[in-house]
Protein backbone atom coordinates (compact mmCIF):
# COMPACT_ATOMS: atom_id res chain seq x y z
CA UNK A 1 0.00 0.00 0.00
CA UNK A 2 2.92 2.35 0.62
CA UNK A 3 3.98 2.34 -3.04
CA UNK A 4 0.40 3.11 -4.07
CA UNK A 5 0.31 6.08 -1.68
CA UNK A 6 3.50 7.45 -3.20
CA UNK A 7 2.11 6.99 -6.71
CA UNK A 8 -1.14 8.72 -5.73
CA UNK A 9 0.73 11.64 -4.21
CA UNK A 10 2.65 12.05 -7.46
CA UNK A 11 -0.56 12.23 -9.50
CA UNK A 12 -0.96 15.98 -9.76
CA UNK A 13 -3.18 15.63 -12.82
CA UNK A 14 -6.61 14.13 -12.40
CA UNK A 15 -6.31 12.29 -15.71
CA UNK A 16 -3.18 10.47 -14.53
CA UNK A 17 -4.95 9.56 -11.30
CA UNK A 18 -8.00 8.31 -13.25
CA UNK A 19 -5.81 6.05 -15.38
CA UNK A 20 -3.90 4.78 -12.35
CA UNK A 21 -7.16 3.94 -10.55
CA UNK A 22 -8.52 2.18 -13.65
CA UNK A 23 -5.41 -0.02 -13.81
CA UNK A 24 -5.70 -0.74 -10.08
CA UNK A 25 -9.35 -1.74 -10.42
CA UNK A 26 -8.56 -3.88 -13.46
CA UNK A 27 -5.85 -5.69 -11.50
CA UNK A 28 -7.69 -6.08 -8.18
CA UNK A 29 -11.30 -6.23 -9.33
CA UNK A 30 -14.20 -4.03 -8.43
CA UNK A 31 -16.12 -1.20 -10.03
CA UNK A 32 -14.45 1.75 -11.72
CA UNK A 33 -16.75 4.75 -12.01
CA UNK A 34 -16.03 8.15 -13.49
CA UNK A 35 -18.07 11.02 -12.18
CA UNK A 36 -17.72 14.70 -12.90
CA UNK A 37 -19.35 17.82 -14.25
CA UNK A 38 -19.09 19.03 -17.82
CA UNK A 39 -18.99 22.63 -16.63
CA UNK A 40 -15.79 21.85 -14.67
CA UNK A 41 -14.23 20.20 -17.71
CA UNK A 42 -15.18 23.25 -19.78
CA UNK A 43 -14.01 25.75 -17.15
CA UNK A 44 -10.60 24.07 -16.88
CA UNK A 45 -10.25 23.33 -20.60
CA UNK A 46 -9.87 19.63 -19.78
CA UNK A 47 -11.65 18.05 -22.76
CA UNK A 48 -8.38 16.60 -24.09
CA UNK A 49 -7.63 15.07 -20.70
CA UNK A 50 -11.08 13.51 -20.55
CA UNK A 51 -10.66 12.15 -24.07
CA UNK A 52 -7.28 10.70 -23.05
CA UNK A 53 -8.88 8.85 -20.14
CA UNK A 54 -11.77 7.57 -22.25
CA UNK A 55 -9.39 6.40 -24.96
CA UNK A 56 -7.22 4.60 -22.40
CA UNK A 57 -10.08 2.81 -20.62
CA UNK A 58 -12.10 1.88 -23.70
CA UNK A 59 -12.25 -1.51 -25.41
CA UNK A 60 -10.26 -3.43 -22.79
CA UNK A 61 -10.62 -7.21 -22.77
CA UNK A 62 -12.30 -8.56 -19.67
CA UNK A 63 -14.05 -5.30 -18.81
CA UNK A 64 -17.81 -5.15 -18.56
CA UNK A 65 -18.94 -1.62 -19.52
CA UNK A 66 -22.34 -0.69 -18.09
CA UNK A 67 -24.47 2.35 -17.39
CA UNK A 68 -25.25 3.46 -13.84
CA UNK A 69 -28.71 1.88 -13.99
CA UNK A 70 -27.28 -1.40 -15.30
CA UNK A 71 -24.80 -1.46 -12.42
CA UNK A 72 -27.57 -1.25 -9.84
C-alpha atoms as a PDB file:
ATOM      1  CA  UNK A   1       0.000   0.000   0.000  1.00  0.00           C
ATOM      2  CA  UNK A   2       2.922   2.352   0.615  1.00  0.00           C
ATOM      3  CA  UNK A   3       3.982   2.340  -3.044  1.00  0.00           C
ATOM      4  CA  UNK A   4       0.405   3.114  -4.067  1.00  0.00           C
ATOM      5  CA  UNK A   5       0.314   6.076  -1.681  1.00  0.00           C
ATOM      6  CA  UNK A   6       3.497   7.454  -3.203  1.00  0.00           C
ATOM      7  CA  UNK A   7       2.111   6.992  -6.705  1.00  0.00           C
ATOM      8  CA  UNK A   8      -1.138   8.721  -5.729  1.00  0.00           C
ATOM      9  CA  UNK A   9       0.728  11.638  -4.212  1.00  0.00           C
ATOM     10  CA  UNK A  10       2.648  12.054  -7.455  1.00  0.00           C
ATOM     11  CA  UNK A  11      -0.558  12.234  -9.505  1.00  0.00           C
ATOM     12  CA  UNK A  12      -0.960  15.977  -9.758  1.00  0.00           C
ATOM     13  CA  UNK A  13      -3.177  15.633 -12.825  1.00  0.00           C
ATOM     14  CA  UNK A  14      -6.615  14.132 -12.403  1.00  0.00           C
ATOM     15  CA  UNK A  15      -6.306  12.286 -15.714  1.00  0.00           C
ATOM     16  CA  UNK A  16      -3.179  10.468 -14.533  1.00  0.00           C
ATOM     17  CA  UNK A  17      -4.954   9.556 -11.304  1.00  0.00           C
ATOM     18  CA  UNK A  18      -8.001   8.307 -13.246  1.00  0.00           C
ATOM     19  CA  UNK A  19      -5.811   6.052 -15.384  1.00  0.00           C
ATOM     20  CA  UNK A  20      -3.899   4.777 -12.346  1.00  0.00           C
ATOM     21  CA  UNK A  21      -7.165   3.945 -10.552  1.00  0.00           C
ATOM     22  CA  UNK A  22      -8.516   2.175 -13.651  1.00  0.00           C
ATOM     23  CA  UNK A  23      -5.411  -0.022 -13.807  1.00  0.00           C
ATOM     24  CA  UNK A  24      -5.696  -0.740 -10.078  1.00  0.00           C
ATOM     25  CA  UNK A  25      -9.351  -1.736 -10.425  1.00  0.00           C
ATOM     26  CA  UNK A  26      -8.564  -3.880 -13.456  1.00  0.00           C
ATOM     27  CA  UNK A  27      -5.852  -5.686 -11.497  1.00  0.00           C
ATOM     28  CA  UNK A  28      -7.687  -6.077  -8.176  1.00  0.00           C
ATOM     29  CA  UNK A  29     -11.298  -6.235  -9.331  1.00  0.00           C
ATOM     30  CA  UNK A  30     -14.204  -4.027  -8.431  1.00  0.00           C
ATOM     31  CA  UNK A  31     -16.125  -1.198 -10.027  1.00  0.00           C
ATOM     32  CA  UNK A  32     -14.453   1.753 -11.722  1.00  0.00           C
ATOM     33  CA  UNK A  33     -16.747   4.746 -12.007  1.00  0.00           C
ATOM     34  CA  UNK A  34     -16.029   8.149 -13.492  1.00  0.00           C
ATOM     35  CA  UNK A  35     -18.068  11.020 -12.178  1.00  0.00           C
ATOM     36  CA  UNK A  36     -17.724  14.697 -12.904  1.00  0.00           C
ATOM     37  CA  UNK A  37     -19.348  17.821 -14.253  1.00  0.00           C
ATOM     38  CA  UNK A  38     -19.087  19.027 -17.820  1.00  0.00           C
ATOM     39  CA  UNK A  39     -18.992  22.631 -16.629  1.00  0.00           C
ATOM     40  CA  UNK A  40     -15.794  21.852 -14.671  1.00  0.00           C
ATOM     41  CA  UNK A  41     -14.232  20.199 -17.714  1.00  0.00           C
ATOM     42  CA  UNK A  42     -15.179  23.246 -19.778  1.00  0.00           C
ATOM     43  CA  UNK A  43     -14.007  25.755 -17.149  1.00  0.00           C
ATOM     44  CA  UNK A  44     -10.603  24.070 -16.884  1.00  0.00           C
ATOM     45  CA  UNK A  45     -10.252  23.328 -20.596  1.00  0.00           C
ATOM     46  CA  UNK A  46      -9.874  19.628 -19.780  1.00  0.00           C
ATOM     47  CA  UNK A  47     -11.655  18.048 -22.761  1.00  0.00           C
ATOM     48  CA  UNK A  48      -8.382  16.604 -24.086  1.00  0.00           C
ATOM     49  CA  UNK A  49      -7.628  15.075 -20.701  1.00  0.00           C
ATOM     50  CA  UNK A  50     -11.083  13.508 -20.549  1.00  0.00           C
ATOM     51  CA  UNK A  51     -10.665  12.153 -24.070  1.00  0.00           C
ATOM     52  CA  UNK A  52      -7.285  10.705 -23.053  1.00  0.00           C
ATOM     53  CA  UNK A  53      -8.875   8.851 -20.140  1.00  0.00           C
ATOM     54  CA  UNK A  54     -11.769   7.573 -22.250  1.00  0.00           C
ATOM     55  CA  UNK A  55      -9.390   6.396 -24.964  1.00  0.00           C
ATOM     56  CA  UNK A  56      -7.222   4.602 -22.396  1.00  0.00           C
ATOM     57  CA  UNK A  57     -10.075   2.808 -20.620  1.00  0.00           C
ATOM     58  CA  UNK A  58     -12.099   1.881 -23.699  1.00  0.00           C
ATOM     59  CA  UNK A  59     -12.246  -1.508 -25.407  1.00  0.00           C
ATOM     60  CA  UNK A  60     -10.265  -3.433 -22.793  1.00  0.00           C
ATOM     61  CA  UNK A  61     -10.625  -7.207 -22.774  1.00  0.00           C
ATOM     62  CA  UNK A  62     -12.301  -8.562 -19.667  1.00  0.00           C
ATOM     63  CA  UNK A  63     -14.045  -5.298 -18.810  1.00  0.00           C
ATOM     64  CA  UNK A  64     -17.815  -5.146 -18.562  1.00  0.00           C
ATOM     65  CA  UNK A  65     -18.943  -1.615 -19.521  1.00  0.00           C
ATOM     66  CA  UNK A  66     -22.345  -0.688 -18.094  1.00  0.00           C
ATOM     67  CA  UNK A  67     -24.470   2.349 -17.393  1.00  0.00           C
ATOM     68  CA  UNK A  68     -25.254   3.461 -13.842  1.00  0.00           C
ATOM     69  CA  UNK A  69     -28.713   1.879 -13.986  1.00  0.00           C
ATOM     70  CA  UNK A  70     -27.280  -1.396 -15.305  1.00  0.00           C
ATOM     71  CA  UNK A  71     -24.799  -1.458 -12.423  1.00  0.00           C
ATOM     72  CA  UNK A  72     -27.573  -1.252  -9.841  1.00  0.00           C
END
